[in-house]
Amino acid sequence: MWGLENVSAATPKGRFIVLCLVMGVATLFSLLEVVLFLNLAPLGAALVGWVFVLLYGVLEAGILHPGASTVAALTLPSGASTPSVNQHSNIQALVAKGQYAQAAEAYRQVIAAQPQDLVACEHLTQLALRELKDYELALFALHEAEQRASDPRRRAGYALLAANVYRDNLKNYGRTMVELRRILARYPDVPNADALRAEIDELKAMHFEAR
């Protein structure tokens, strides 16, 4: 009847329809009470009930799409303020399917759209290093993470990871020295400063020997 035969009360749409039916019956009784006893209180209660039903319909996913979009825009934080967990989950699903290039592009889009999303930068770094072997892409993600992080120690950590990529993956010892010197200049309180200076000296010797 009315195309409701296949609607399940276990679904959001089914629950919404059941609520509407219940409120419809309750409203009829309220109107009858208003007519018989000249009491407007039941009608007010019915109006409150309908407001609840309509709010439920707007907020419940998949029932009232236009309204839900409007409410979400007004009440939920945008992607520009917090990372979208669902968005990361969708990209991780691409990785699980072996669609690495599509996942990398999706992470790049998230990074461009959400300036403070460090998680996307970290995931893109791992994807680039482990699956794609795209070291330039990994460096892009690490440099983005360094710029976005607010904690100087964390920023130094991303910079050190980038230096490791230059040294271990690209075998670019000249650029590694440049990065290590930049780290020492920008983050003078980095805990392993002496070790970094020793590494610079070692790389310098290797660089000159290679010539």
N, C-alpha and C. Protein backbone atom coordinates (compact mmCIF):
# COMPACT_ATOMS: atom_id res chain seq x y z
N MET A 1 0.84 -1.21 0.00
CA MET A 1 0.00 0.00 0.00
C MET A 1 0.87 1.25 0.00
N TRP A 2 0.61 2.19 -0.91
CA TRP A 2 1.36 3.45 -1.04
C TRP A 2 2.84 3.21 -1.29
N GLY A 3 3.20 1.99 -1.77
CA GLY A 3 4.60 1.72 -2.06
C GLY A 3 5.46 1.52 -0.83
N LEU A 4 4.80 1.18 0.32
CA LEU A 4 5.55 1.03 1.57
C LEU A 4 5.79 -0.43 1.93
N GLU A 5 5.40 -1.35 1.03
CA GLU A 5 5.50 -2.76 1.38
C GLU A 5 6.93 -3.20 1.65
N ASN A 6 7.89 -2.63 0.91
CA ASN A 6 9.28 -3.06 1.02
C ASN A 6 10.12 -2.17 1.92
N VAL A 7 9.47 -1.27 2.63
CA VAL A 7 10.20 -0.37 3.52
C VAL A 7 10.39 -1.05 4.86
N SER A 8 11.64 -1.15 5.32
CA SER A 8 11.94 -1.81 6.59
C SER A 8 12.11 -0.77 7.69
N ALA A 9 11.52 -1.09 8.86
CA ALA A 9 11.67 -0.19 10.00
C ALA A 9 13.08 -0.17 10.54
N ALA A 10 13.93 -1.09 10.06
CA ALA A 10 15.32 -1.13 10.51
C ALA A 10 16.19 -0.14 9.77
N THR A 11 15.64 0.49 8.71
CA THR A 11 16.40 1.46 7.93
C THR A 11 16.05 2.86 8.37
N PRO A 12 16.90 3.85 8.11
CA PRO A 12 16.58 5.23 8.46
C PRO A 12 15.27 5.70 7.83
N LYS A 13 15.05 5.36 6.57
CA LYS A 13 13.81 5.77 5.90
C LYS A 13 12.61 5.12 6.55
N GLY A 14 12.75 3.81 6.91
CA GLY A 14 11.65 3.11 7.56
C GLY A 14 11.30 3.72 8.89
N ARG A 15 12.32 4.04 9.69
CA ARG A 15 12.08 4.65 10.99
C ARG A 15 11.39 5.99 10.85
N PHE A 16 11.79 6.74 9.84
CA PHE A 16 11.17 8.06 9.61
C PHE A 16 9.70 7.90 9.26
N ILE A 17 9.39 6.92 8.41
CA ILE A 17 7.99 6.70 8.02
C ILE A 17 7.16 6.26 9.21
N VAL A 18 7.73 5.35 10.04
CA VAL A 18 7.00 4.89 11.23
C VAL A 18 6.72 6.06 12.16
N LEU A 19 7.73 6.93 12.35
CA LEU A 19 7.51 8.10 13.20
C LEU A 19 6.41 8.99 12.66
N CYS A 20 6.39 9.17 11.34
CA CYS A 20 5.35 9.99 10.72
C CYS A 20 3.97 9.39 10.94
N LEU A 21 3.86 8.07 10.79
CA LEU A 21 2.58 7.40 10.98
C LEU A 21 2.11 7.53 12.43
N VAL A 22 3.05 7.31 13.36
CA VAL A 22 2.69 7.43 14.77
C VAL A 22 2.25 8.85 15.10
N MET A 23 3.00 9.84 14.59
CA MET A 23 2.64 11.23 14.86
C MET A 23 1.32 11.60 14.18
N GLY A 24 1.07 10.98 13.01
CA GLY A 24 -0.20 11.25 12.34
C GLY A 24 -1.38 10.79 13.17
N VAL A 25 -1.27 9.58 13.73
CA VAL A 25 -2.34 9.06 14.60
C VAL A 25 -2.47 9.92 15.84
N ALA A 26 -1.33 10.26 16.45
CA ALA A 26 -1.36 11.08 17.67
C ALA A 26 -1.98 12.45 17.38
N THR A 27 -1.71 13.00 16.21
CA THR A 27 -2.27 14.31 15.85
C THR A 27 -3.78 14.23 15.69
N LEU A 28 -4.28 13.14 15.10
CA LEU A 28 -5.73 12.97 14.96
C LEU A 28 -6.41 12.94 16.32
N PHE A 29 -5.82 12.19 17.27
CA PHE A 29 -6.37 12.15 18.62
C PHE A 29 -6.32 13.52 19.28
N SER A 30 -5.21 14.25 19.02
CA SER A 30 -5.08 15.59 19.61
C SER A 30 -6.15 16.52 19.07
N LEU A 31 -6.41 16.46 17.75
CA LEU A 31 -7.45 17.29 17.15
C LEU A 31 -8.82 16.93 17.70
N LEU A 32 -9.04 15.63 17.90
CA LEU A 32 -10.33 15.20 18.45
C LEU A 32 -10.52 15.73 19.86
N GLU A 33 -9.42 15.71 20.65
CA GLU A 33 -9.50 16.22 22.02
C GLU A 33 -9.73 17.71 22.03
N VAL A 34 -9.13 18.42 21.07
CA VAL A 34 -9.34 19.87 20.98
C VAL A 34 -10.81 20.17 20.70
N VAL A 35 -11.40 19.40 19.77
CA VAL A 35 -12.80 19.63 19.39
C VAL A 35 -13.74 19.29 20.54
N LEU A 36 -13.49 18.17 21.21
CA LEU A 36 -14.41 17.71 22.24
C LEU A 36 -14.28 18.50 23.54
N PHE A 37 -13.05 18.84 23.92
CA PHE A 37 -12.84 19.44 25.24
C PHE A 37 -12.38 20.90 25.16
N LEU A 38 -12.23 21.42 23.92
CA LEU A 38 -11.78 22.82 23.73
C LEU A 38 -10.48 23.09 24.49
N ASN A 39 -9.57 22.12 24.42
CA ASN A 39 -8.29 22.22 25.10
C ASN A 39 -7.19 22.22 24.04
N LEU A 40 -6.40 23.30 23.96
CA LEU A 40 -5.38 23.44 22.93
C LEU A 40 -4.05 22.79 23.30
N ALA A 41 -3.91 22.36 24.55
CA ALA A 41 -2.63 21.79 24.99
C ALA A 41 -2.21 20.57 24.17
N PRO A 42 -3.12 19.64 23.86
CA PRO A 42 -2.70 18.48 23.05
C PRO A 42 -2.20 18.88 21.67
N LEU A 43 -2.80 19.95 21.11
CA LEU A 43 -2.34 20.40 19.80
C LEU A 43 -0.92 20.93 19.86
N GLY A 44 -0.59 21.64 20.93
CA GLY A 44 0.78 22.12 21.11
C GLY A 44 1.76 20.98 21.24
N ALA A 45 1.37 19.93 22.00
CA ALA A 45 2.23 18.76 22.13
C ALA A 45 2.45 18.08 20.79
N ALA A 46 1.38 18.05 19.97
CA ALA A 46 1.50 17.43 18.65
C ALA A 46 2.46 18.22 17.76
N LEU A 47 2.41 19.54 17.86
CA LEU A 47 3.32 20.37 17.06
C LEU A 47 4.78 20.13 17.48
N VAL A 48 5.01 20.01 18.77
CA VAL A 48 6.36 19.71 19.25
C VAL A 48 6.82 18.37 18.72
N GLY A 49 5.92 17.40 18.71
CA GLY A 49 6.27 16.08 18.18
C GLY A 49 6.63 16.13 16.71
N TRP A 50 5.89 16.91 15.94
CA TRP A 50 6.20 17.02 14.50
C TRP A 50 7.54 17.71 14.27
N VAL A 51 7.87 18.69 15.10
CA VAL A 51 9.18 19.34 14.99
C VAL A 51 10.28 18.32 15.21
N PHE A 52 10.09 17.46 16.22
CA PHE A 52 11.08 16.41 16.47
C PHE A 52 11.22 15.49 15.27
N VAL A 53 10.08 15.07 14.70
CA VAL A 53 10.10 14.16 13.56
C VAL A 53 10.82 14.80 12.37
N LEU A 54 10.53 16.07 12.12
CA LEU A 54 11.16 16.76 10.98
C LEU A 54 12.66 16.91 11.21
N LEU A 55 13.06 17.23 12.43
CA LEU A 55 14.50 17.34 12.71
C LEU A 55 15.19 15.99 12.54
N TYR A 56 14.53 14.93 12.98
CA TYR A 56 15.09 13.59 12.80
C TYR A 56 15.27 13.29 11.31
N GLY A 57 14.26 13.65 10.52
CA GLY A 57 14.35 13.39 9.08
C GLY A 57 15.46 14.17 8.42
N VAL A 58 15.68 15.39 8.86
CA VAL A 58 16.74 16.22 8.27
C VAL A 58 18.12 15.68 8.62
N LEU A 59 18.27 15.27 9.88
CA LEU A 59 19.59 14.85 10.34
C LEU A 59 19.92 13.42 9.97
N GLU A 60 18.91 12.58 9.74
CA GLU A 60 19.16 11.18 9.42
C GLU A 60 19.64 11.07 7.98
N ALA A 61 20.78 10.47 7.77
CA ALA A 61 21.37 10.38 6.43
C ALA A 61 20.46 9.62 5.49
N GLY A 62 20.34 10.17 4.27
CA GLY A 62 19.63 9.46 3.22
C GLY A 62 18.14 9.69 3.18
N ILE A 63 17.59 10.55 4.06
CA ILE A 63 16.14 10.76 4.04
C ILE A 63 15.80 12.05 3.32
N LEU A 64 16.31 13.16 3.85
CA LEU A 64 16.03 14.46 3.24
C LEU A 64 17.35 15.08 2.85
N HIS A 65 17.87 14.74 1.69
CA HIS A 65 19.21 15.16 1.29
C HIS A 65 19.40 16.68 1.27
N PRO A 66 18.52 17.47 0.64
CA PRO A 66 18.77 18.93 0.61
C PRO A 66 18.82 19.52 2.00
N GLY A 67 17.88 19.13 2.88
CA GLY A 67 17.87 19.67 4.23
C GLY A 67 19.08 19.24 5.00
N ALA A 68 19.48 17.98 4.82
CA ALA A 68 20.64 17.48 5.55
C ALA A 68 21.89 18.25 5.18
N SER A 69 22.04 18.58 3.91
CA SER A 69 23.21 19.33 3.48
C SER A 69 23.23 20.70 4.13
N THR A 70 22.06 21.33 4.22
CA THR A 70 21.99 22.66 4.80
C THR A 70 22.32 22.62 6.28
N VAL A 71 21.73 21.66 6.99
CA VAL A 71 21.98 21.57 8.43
C VAL A 71 23.45 21.26 8.69
N ALA A 72 24.02 20.35 7.90
CA ALA A 72 25.42 20.00 8.09
C ALA A 72 26.31 21.21 7.89
N ALA A 73 25.99 22.02 6.89
CA ALA A 73 26.81 23.20 6.62
C ALA A 73 26.75 24.18 7.76
N LEU A 74 25.61 24.20 8.49
CA LEU A 74 25.46 25.17 9.56
C LEU A 74 25.97 24.67 10.90
N THR A 75 25.90 23.33 11.13
CA THR A 75 26.18 22.83 12.47
C THR A 75 27.44 22.01 12.58
N LEU A 76 27.95 21.46 11.48
CA LEU A 76 29.10 20.59 11.56
C LEU A 76 30.36 21.32 11.15
N PRO A 77 31.52 21.01 11.75
CA PRO A 77 32.77 21.64 11.32
C PRO A 77 33.11 21.23 9.91
N SER A 78 33.61 22.17 9.15
CA SER A 78 33.97 21.88 7.76
C SER A 78 35.30 21.16 7.70
N GLY A 79 35.62 20.62 6.51
CA GLY A 79 36.89 19.94 6.34
C GLY A 79 38.08 20.86 6.53
N ALA A 80 37.85 22.18 6.41
CA ALA A 80 38.96 23.12 6.55
C ALA A 80 39.39 23.26 8.00
N SER A 81 38.54 22.79 8.95
CA SER A 81 38.91 22.94 10.36
C SER A 81 39.35 21.63 10.98
N THR A 82 38.78 20.51 10.55
CA THR A 82 39.19 19.21 11.09
C THR A 82 39.27 18.20 9.97
N PRO A 83 40.21 17.26 10.05
CA PRO A 83 40.30 16.24 9.02
C PRO A 83 39.06 15.37 9.01
N SER A 84 38.66 14.92 7.83
CA SER A 84 37.51 14.06 7.70
C SER A 84 37.95 12.61 7.84
N VAL A 85 37.51 11.96 8.92
CA VAL A 85 37.87 10.56 9.12
C VAL A 85 37.29 9.70 8.02
N ASN A 86 36.02 9.98 7.65
CA ASN A 86 35.39 9.21 6.58
C ASN A 86 36.15 9.37 5.28
N GLN A 87 36.62 10.59 5.03
CA GLN A 87 37.37 10.84 3.81
C GLN A 87 38.64 10.01 3.79
N HIS A 88 39.36 9.96 4.91
CA HIS A 88 40.57 9.14 4.98
C HIS A 88 40.23 7.66 4.82
N SER A 89 39.10 7.24 5.39
CA SER A 89 38.70 5.84 5.27
C SER A 89 38.44 5.47 3.82
N ASN A 90 37.82 6.39 3.10
CA ASN A 90 37.55 6.12 1.68
C ASN A 90 38.85 5.99 0.90
N ILE A 91 39.82 6.81 1.24
CA ILE A 91 41.10 6.74 0.53
C ILE A 91 41.85 5.47 0.92
N GLN A 92 41.76 5.10 2.20
CA GLN A 92 42.39 3.86 2.62
C GLN A 92 41.77 2.65 1.92
N ALA A 93 40.49 2.76 1.59
CA ALA A 93 39.84 1.68 0.84
C ALA A 93 40.46 1.56 -0.55
N LEU A 94 40.82 2.69 -1.15
CA LEU A 94 41.50 2.65 -2.45
C LEU A 94 42.86 1.96 -2.32
N VAL A 95 43.56 2.26 -1.23
CA VAL A 95 44.87 1.63 -1.00
C VAL A 95 44.71 0.13 -0.85
N ALA A 96 43.67 -0.27 -0.10
CA ALA A 96 43.45 -1.70 0.12
C ALA A 96 43.16 -2.42 -1.19
N LYS A 97 42.57 -1.71 -2.14
CA LYS A 97 42.27 -2.32 -3.45
C LYS A 97 43.46 -2.27 -4.40
N GLY A 98 44.56 -1.67 -3.95
CA GLY A 98 45.72 -1.56 -4.81
C GLY A 98 45.66 -0.40 -5.77
N GLN A 99 44.71 0.51 -5.59
CA GLN A 99 44.58 1.67 -6.47
C GLN A 99 45.42 2.82 -5.90
N TYR A 100 46.74 2.62 -5.96
CA TYR A 100 47.66 3.53 -5.29
C TYR A 100 47.69 4.92 -5.92
N ALA A 101 47.68 4.99 -7.22
CA ALA A 101 47.74 6.29 -7.89
C ALA A 101 46.50 7.11 -7.57
N GLN A 102 45.33 6.47 -7.60
CA GLN A 102 44.10 7.19 -7.27
C GLN A 102 44.10 7.65 -5.81
N ALA A 103 44.62 6.80 -4.93
CA ALA A 103 44.69 7.17 -3.52
C ALA A 103 45.64 8.36 -3.32
N ALA A 104 46.77 8.34 -4.00
CA ALA A 104 47.73 9.44 -3.88
C ALA A 104 47.11 10.75 -4.35
N GLU A 105 46.40 10.70 -5.45
CA GLU A 105 45.75 11.92 -5.96
C GLU A 105 44.68 12.40 -4.99
N ALA A 106 43.95 11.46 -4.38
CA ALA A 106 42.94 11.84 -3.40
C ALA A 106 43.57 12.50 -2.19
N TYR A 107 44.69 11.97 -1.72
CA TYR A 107 45.39 12.60 -0.60
C TYR A 107 45.88 13.99 -0.97
N ARG A 108 46.37 14.15 -2.19
CA ARG A 108 46.82 15.49 -2.62
C ARG A 108 45.67 16.48 -2.58
N GLN A 109 44.49 16.04 -2.99
CA GLN A 109 43.33 16.92 -2.97
C GLN A 109 42.95 17.30 -1.54
N VAL A 110 43.03 16.33 -0.62
CA VAL A 110 42.74 16.62 0.78
C VAL A 110 43.75 17.62 1.33
N ILE A 111 45.01 17.42 1.02
CA ILE A 111 46.07 18.31 1.50
C ILE A 111 45.85 19.73 0.99
N ALA A 112 45.44 19.85 -0.27
CA ALA A 112 45.19 21.18 -0.84
C ALA A 112 43.97 21.84 -0.21
N ALA A 113 42.97 21.04 0.15
CA ALA A 113 41.72 21.61 0.65
C ALA A 113 41.71 21.83 2.15
N GLN A 114 42.54 21.07 2.90
CA GLN A 114 42.51 21.14 4.35
C GLN A 114 43.90 21.48 4.88
N PRO A 115 44.19 22.75 5.08
CA PRO A 115 45.56 23.20 5.38
C PRO A 115 46.17 22.62 6.64
N GLN A 116 45.36 22.15 7.60
CA GLN A 116 45.94 21.66 8.85
C GLN A 116 45.87 20.15 8.97
N ASP A 117 45.55 19.45 7.90
CA ASP A 117 45.40 18.00 7.96
C ASP A 117 46.76 17.32 7.85
N LEU A 118 47.36 17.04 9.01
CA LEU A 118 48.66 16.36 9.04
C LEU A 118 48.52 14.87 8.73
N VAL A 119 47.38 14.29 9.06
CA VAL A 119 47.19 12.85 8.84
C VAL A 119 47.29 12.53 7.36
N ALA A 120 46.69 13.36 6.52
CA ALA A 120 46.75 13.12 5.08
C ALA A 120 48.20 13.19 4.59
N CYS A 121 48.97 14.13 5.13
CA CYS A 121 50.38 14.24 4.75
C CYS A 121 51.15 12.98 5.15
N GLU A 122 50.89 12.49 6.35
CA GLU A 122 51.60 11.30 6.82
C GLU A 122 51.21 10.07 6.01
N HIS A 123 49.92 9.92 5.73
CA HIS A 123 49.48 8.77 4.94
C HIS A 123 50.04 8.81 3.52
N LEU A 124 50.08 10.01 2.94
CA LEU A 124 50.63 10.13 1.60
C LEU A 124 52.12 9.81 1.60
N THR A 125 52.82 10.21 2.64
CA THR A 125 54.25 9.87 2.75
C THR A 125 54.45 8.37 2.76
N GLN A 126 53.68 7.67 3.59
CA GLN A 126 53.80 6.21 3.67
C GLN A 126 53.45 5.55 2.34
N LEU A 127 52.39 6.03 1.71
CA LEU A 127 51.98 5.46 0.43
C LEU A 127 53.06 5.67 -0.62
N ALA A 128 53.63 6.86 -0.65
CA ALA A 128 54.66 7.17 -1.65
C ALA A 128 55.92 6.34 -1.43
N LEU A 129 56.31 6.15 -0.18
CA LEU A 129 57.53 5.41 0.11
C LEU A 129 57.36 3.90 -0.06
N ARG A 130 56.26 3.36 0.46
CA ARG A 130 56.11 1.91 0.51
C ARG A 130 55.56 1.32 -0.79
N GLU A 131 54.57 1.96 -1.35
CA GLU A 131 53.87 1.36 -2.48
C GLU A 131 54.29 1.95 -3.83
N LEU A 132 54.34 3.26 -3.89
CA LEU A 132 54.61 3.91 -5.18
C LEU A 132 56.10 4.06 -5.45
N LYS A 133 56.92 4.05 -4.41
CA LYS A 133 58.35 4.33 -4.56
C LYS A 133 58.57 5.67 -5.27
N ASP A 134 57.67 6.59 -5.00
CA ASP A 134 57.75 7.93 -5.58
C ASP A 134 58.32 8.85 -4.50
N TYR A 135 59.62 9.02 -4.54
CA TYR A 135 60.29 9.73 -3.45
C TYR A 135 60.06 11.24 -3.52
N GLU A 136 59.89 11.76 -4.71
CA GLU A 136 59.57 13.19 -4.82
C GLU A 136 58.20 13.47 -4.22
N LEU A 137 57.27 12.55 -4.40
CA LEU A 137 55.94 12.72 -3.80
C LEU A 137 56.03 12.64 -2.28
N ALA A 138 56.86 11.73 -1.79
CA ALA A 138 57.05 11.63 -0.34
C ALA A 138 57.64 12.93 0.22
N LEU A 139 58.58 13.51 -0.49
CA LEU A 139 59.18 14.78 -0.05
C LEU A 139 58.14 15.90 -0.05
N PHE A 140 57.29 15.91 -1.06
CA PHE A 140 56.21 16.91 -1.10
C PHE A 140 55.34 16.80 0.15
N ALA A 141 54.95 15.56 0.49
CA ALA A 141 54.08 15.36 1.64
C ALA A 141 54.78 15.76 2.94
N LEU A 142 56.06 15.42 3.07
CA LEU A 142 56.80 15.75 4.29
C LEU A 142 57.00 17.26 4.43
N HIS A 143 57.29 17.93 3.33
CA HIS A 143 57.45 19.38 3.40
C HIS A 143 56.13 20.06 3.75
N GLU A 144 55.02 19.53 3.21
CA GLU A 144 53.71 20.07 3.58
C GLU A 144 53.44 19.87 5.06
N ALA A 145 53.79 18.68 5.57
CA ALA A 145 53.58 18.40 6.98
C ALA A 145 54.41 19.33 7.86
N GLU A 146 55.64 19.57 7.45
CA GLU A 146 56.51 20.46 8.23
C GLU A 146 55.92 21.86 8.32
N GLN A 147 55.38 22.35 7.21
CA GLN A 147 54.81 23.69 7.21
C GLN A 147 53.54 23.77 8.06
N ARG A 148 52.80 22.67 8.15
CA ARG A 148 51.50 22.70 8.83
C ARG A 148 51.61 22.47 10.34
N ALA A 149 52.61 21.71 10.77
CA ALA A 149 52.71 21.36 12.19
C ALA A 149 53.00 22.61 13.02
N SER A 150 52.38 22.67 14.19
CA SER A 150 52.57 23.83 15.07
C SER A 150 53.70 23.61 16.07
N ASP A 151 53.95 22.36 16.45
CA ASP A 151 55.00 22.03 17.41
C ASP A 151 56.36 22.00 16.71
N PRO A 152 57.33 22.83 17.15
CA PRO A 152 58.64 22.85 16.48
C PRO A 152 59.33 21.48 16.45
N ARG A 153 59.16 20.69 17.53
CA ARG A 153 59.79 19.36 17.54
C ARG A 153 59.20 18.47 16.47
N ARG A 154 57.90 18.57 16.29
CA ARG A 154 57.25 17.77 15.25
C ARG A 154 57.67 18.24 13.86
N ARG A 155 57.80 19.54 13.71
CA ARG A 155 58.24 20.07 12.42
C ARG A 155 59.66 19.60 12.10
N ALA A 156 60.50 19.60 13.12
CA ALA A 156 61.86 19.12 12.93
C ALA A 156 61.86 17.64 12.55
N GLY A 157 60.94 16.88 13.14
CA GLY A 157 60.85 15.46 12.82
C GLY A 157 60.50 15.21 11.36
N TYR A 158 59.56 15.97 10.83
CA TYR A 158 59.22 15.84 9.41
C TYR A 158 60.40 16.23 8.53
N ALA A 159 61.10 17.29 8.94
CA ALA A 159 62.26 17.72 8.16
C ALA A 159 63.35 16.65 8.16
N LEU A 160 63.55 16.00 9.29
CA LEU A 160 64.55 14.92 9.37
C LEU A 160 64.15 13.74 8.48
N LEU A 161 62.88 13.42 8.45
CA LEU A 161 62.41 12.35 7.57
C LEU A 161 62.69 12.69 6.11
N ALA A 162 62.48 13.95 5.76
CA ALA A 162 62.76 14.38 4.39
C ALA A 162 64.25 14.24 4.08
N ALA A 163 65.10 14.61 5.04
CA ALA A 163 66.54 14.46 4.85
C ALA A 163 66.91 12.99 4.65
N ASN A 164 66.24 12.10 5.38
CA ASN A 164 66.49 10.67 5.22
C ASN A 164 66.12 10.18 3.82
N VAL A 165 65.05 10.74 3.27
CA VAL A 165 64.64 10.36 1.91
C VAL A 165 65.71 10.78 0.91
N TYR A 166 66.23 12.00 1.08
CA TYR A 166 67.31 12.45 0.18
C TYR A 166 68.53 11.55 0.30
N ARG A 167 68.86 11.14 1.54
CA ARG A 167 70.06 10.35 1.76
C ARG A 167 69.87 8.88 1.36
N ASP A 168 68.81 8.24 1.88
CA ASP A 168 68.68 6.79 1.74
C ASP A 168 68.01 6.36 0.44
N ASN A 169 67.06 7.15 -0.02
CA ASN A 169 66.30 6.74 -1.21
C ASN A 169 66.82 7.37 -2.49
N LEU A 170 67.10 8.65 -2.44
CA LEU A 170 67.57 9.34 -3.65
C LEU A 170 69.09 9.36 -3.76
N LYS A 171 69.77 9.03 -2.67
CA LYS A 171 71.25 9.03 -2.66
C LYS A 171 71.81 10.39 -3.07
N ASN A 172 71.06 11.42 -2.74
CA ASN A 172 71.48 12.78 -3.06
C ASN A 172 72.12 13.37 -1.81
N TYR A 173 73.44 13.14 -1.66
CA TYR A 173 74.11 13.53 -0.43
C TYR A 173 74.30 15.03 -0.33
N GLY A 174 74.45 15.69 -1.48
CA GLY A 174 74.58 17.14 -1.44
C GLY A 174 73.31 17.78 -0.91
N ARG A 175 72.16 17.31 -1.39
CA ARG A 175 70.90 17.88 -0.90
C ARG A 175 70.63 17.48 0.55
N THR A 176 71.11 16.30 0.92
CA THR A 176 70.97 15.88 2.31
C THR A 176 71.70 16.84 3.23
N MET A 177 72.92 17.23 2.86
CA MET A 177 73.66 18.19 3.68
C MET A 177 72.93 19.52 3.78
N VAL A 178 72.37 19.96 2.65
CA VAL A 178 71.61 21.22 2.66
C VAL A 178 70.45 21.13 3.64
N GLU A 179 69.74 20.00 3.61
CA GLU A 179 68.58 19.84 4.50
C GLU A 179 69.00 19.77 5.96
N LEU A 180 70.08 19.08 6.24
CA LEU A 180 70.53 18.97 7.62
C LEU A 180 70.99 20.33 8.16
N ARG A 181 71.66 21.09 7.33
CA ARG A 181 72.07 22.44 7.76
C ARG A 181 70.85 23.32 8.00
N ARG A 182 69.86 23.18 7.15
CA ARG A 182 68.63 23.96 7.32
C ARG A 182 67.93 23.59 8.63
N ILE A 183 67.92 22.30 8.95
CA ILE A 183 67.29 21.85 10.19
C ILE A 183 68.01 22.44 11.40
N LEU A 184 69.34 22.41 11.39
CA LEU A 184 70.11 22.96 12.52
C LEU A 184 69.89 24.46 12.67
N ALA A 185 69.74 25.14 11.53
CA ALA A 185 69.54 26.59 11.59
C ALA A 185 68.12 26.95 12.04
N ARG A 186 67.16 26.19 11.58
CA ARG A 186 65.76 26.51 11.88
C ARG A 186 65.32 25.97 13.23
N TYR A 187 65.88 24.81 13.61
CA TYR A 187 65.48 24.18 14.87
C TYR A 187 66.73 23.95 15.74
N PRO A 188 67.27 25.01 16.31
CA PRO A 188 68.54 24.89 17.06
C PRO A 188 68.43 24.00 18.29
N ASP A 189 67.22 23.76 18.77
CA ASP A 189 67.04 22.93 19.97
C ASP A 189 66.76 21.48 19.63
N VAL A 190 66.96 21.10 18.39
CA VAL A 190 66.72 19.69 18.03
C VAL A 190 67.60 18.79 18.90
N PRO A 191 67.04 17.72 19.48
CA PRO A 191 67.79 16.92 20.48
C PRO A 191 69.09 16.32 19.96
N ASN A 192 69.12 15.89 18.72
CA ASN A 192 70.30 15.20 18.20
C ASN A 192 71.17 16.10 17.33
N ALA A 193 71.33 17.35 17.75
CA ALA A 193 72.06 18.33 16.94
C ALA A 193 73.51 17.88 16.71
N ASP A 194 74.16 17.36 17.73
CA ASP A 194 75.56 16.93 17.57
C ASP A 194 75.67 15.79 16.56
N ALA A 195 74.74 14.86 16.61
CA ALA A 195 74.75 13.75 15.66
C ALA A 195 74.54 14.25 14.24
N LEU A 196 73.68 15.26 14.08
CA LEU A 196 73.44 15.81 12.75
C LEU A 196 74.69 16.51 12.21
N ARG A 197 75.40 17.22 13.09
CA ARG A 197 76.63 17.88 12.64
C ARG A 197 77.67 16.84 12.22
N ALA A 198 77.75 15.76 12.98
CA ALA A 198 78.69 14.69 12.62
C ALA A 198 78.30 14.05 11.29
N GLU A 199 77.01 13.92 11.08
CA GLU A 199 76.56 13.33 9.81
C GLU A 199 76.88 14.26 8.64
N ILE A 200 76.75 15.56 8.85
CA ILE A 200 77.10 16.50 7.80
C ILE A 200 78.58 16.35 7.44
N ASP A 201 79.43 16.25 8.44
CA ASP A 201 80.86 16.08 8.18
C ASP A 201 81.13 14.78 7.42
N GLU A 202 80.44 13.73 7.80
CA GLU A 202 80.61 12.45 7.12
C GLU A 202 80.16 12.52 5.67
N LEU A 203 79.01 13.15 5.46
CA LEU A 203 78.50 13.28 4.09
C LEU A 203 79.40 14.18 3.25
N LYS A 204 79.95 15.20 3.89
CA LYS A 204 80.86 16.10 3.17
C LYS A 204 82.08 15.32 2.69
N ALA A 205 82.62 14.46 3.55
CA ALA A 205 83.77 13.65 3.16
C ALA A 205 83.40 12.71 2.02
N MET A 206 82.23 12.07 2.10
CA MET A 206 81.78 11.18 1.04
C MET A 206 81.59 11.92 -0.26
N HIS A 207 81.06 13.16 -0.14
CA HIS A 207 80.78 13.97 -1.34
C HIS A 207 82.08 14.32 -2.06
N PHE A 208 83.10 14.68 -1.29
CA PHE A 208 84.36 15.04 -1.91
C PHE A 208 85.08 13.81 -2.45
N GLU A 209 84.96 12.67 -1.76
CA GLU A 209 85.58 11.44 -2.24
C GLU A 209 84.97 11.00 -3.58
N ALA A 210 83.65 11.22 -3.70
CA ALA A 210 82.97 10.82 -4.93
C ALA A 210 83.47 11.62 -6.10
N ARG A 211 83.95 12.82 -5.84
CA ARG A 211 84.47 13.65 -6.93
C ARG A 211 85.88 13.19 -7.29
